[in-house]
């Protein structure tokens, strides 16, 4: 293991409960890992400290250390093996090559009919799972939408998206059955930068049902985080049936 933590908890933070202007400790742990990857100090396959070691180094509870590792796993940054440990995942080399395109335009550009079914579009307060995705404190106003995008009558993409309410205040009042969130967000929150991660997974039963997938059929999942006005504006998980979707990129 060649990982070194240089960040230390601020005096105003105790066990993941930030003081005024402070980041929660689980976010500090995550940032330390991210910076290690970006600097090259951490490479794919490197083992991270255990939860117990994180507790000791950062002076946090086991719950806080577990949350940091759990969120890093959800974002595809690390791989966790029960009874073995947590390891830096292979980073996808094509993320910077993918441009953000509107799925409705893609489908219509292929000469096919596009439509969408909105499963959910609600205003809520961010919780322990959603807050780190947008880099905000728990209890921040956000929107959560779940939309199935169809190509020629077949579901092609399940879009599960969190949006920062302060950046796109009218989001939950819109009908996304014909126009996509991408179209709206591009107008009200022009993208300053973004990141993509792509991986293959075996989807949960709920996802299989929404995408009309057979048991045992793999899915291609892309997570997309976008920034606008200096903040994270949106975090989307885009799931596609493996046999109905192809990801291409070119320079």
Foldseek 3Di string as FASTA:
>chain_A
DQADQPDADDPQEAQQDGDPPDGGPLLSVLVSLVVCVVVVSADFFDFDDALVVCCVRHVHDSVSSVLSQVLCVVQVQWDADPPPGIGGHHFDPCFVQDDDDDVCCVLVVVVWDKWKDWPDWDKDFAASRRCVLFVHDTGAIKIWTWMFMDTNRATFKTKTKIFRCVQPVCRSVDDPGPPHPVVSCCVRFPFPDKTKGKDKDQDDPVVCVSRVHDHPFIKIWMWMWTDGPRTTGMIMIMIGGPVRDDDDGDD
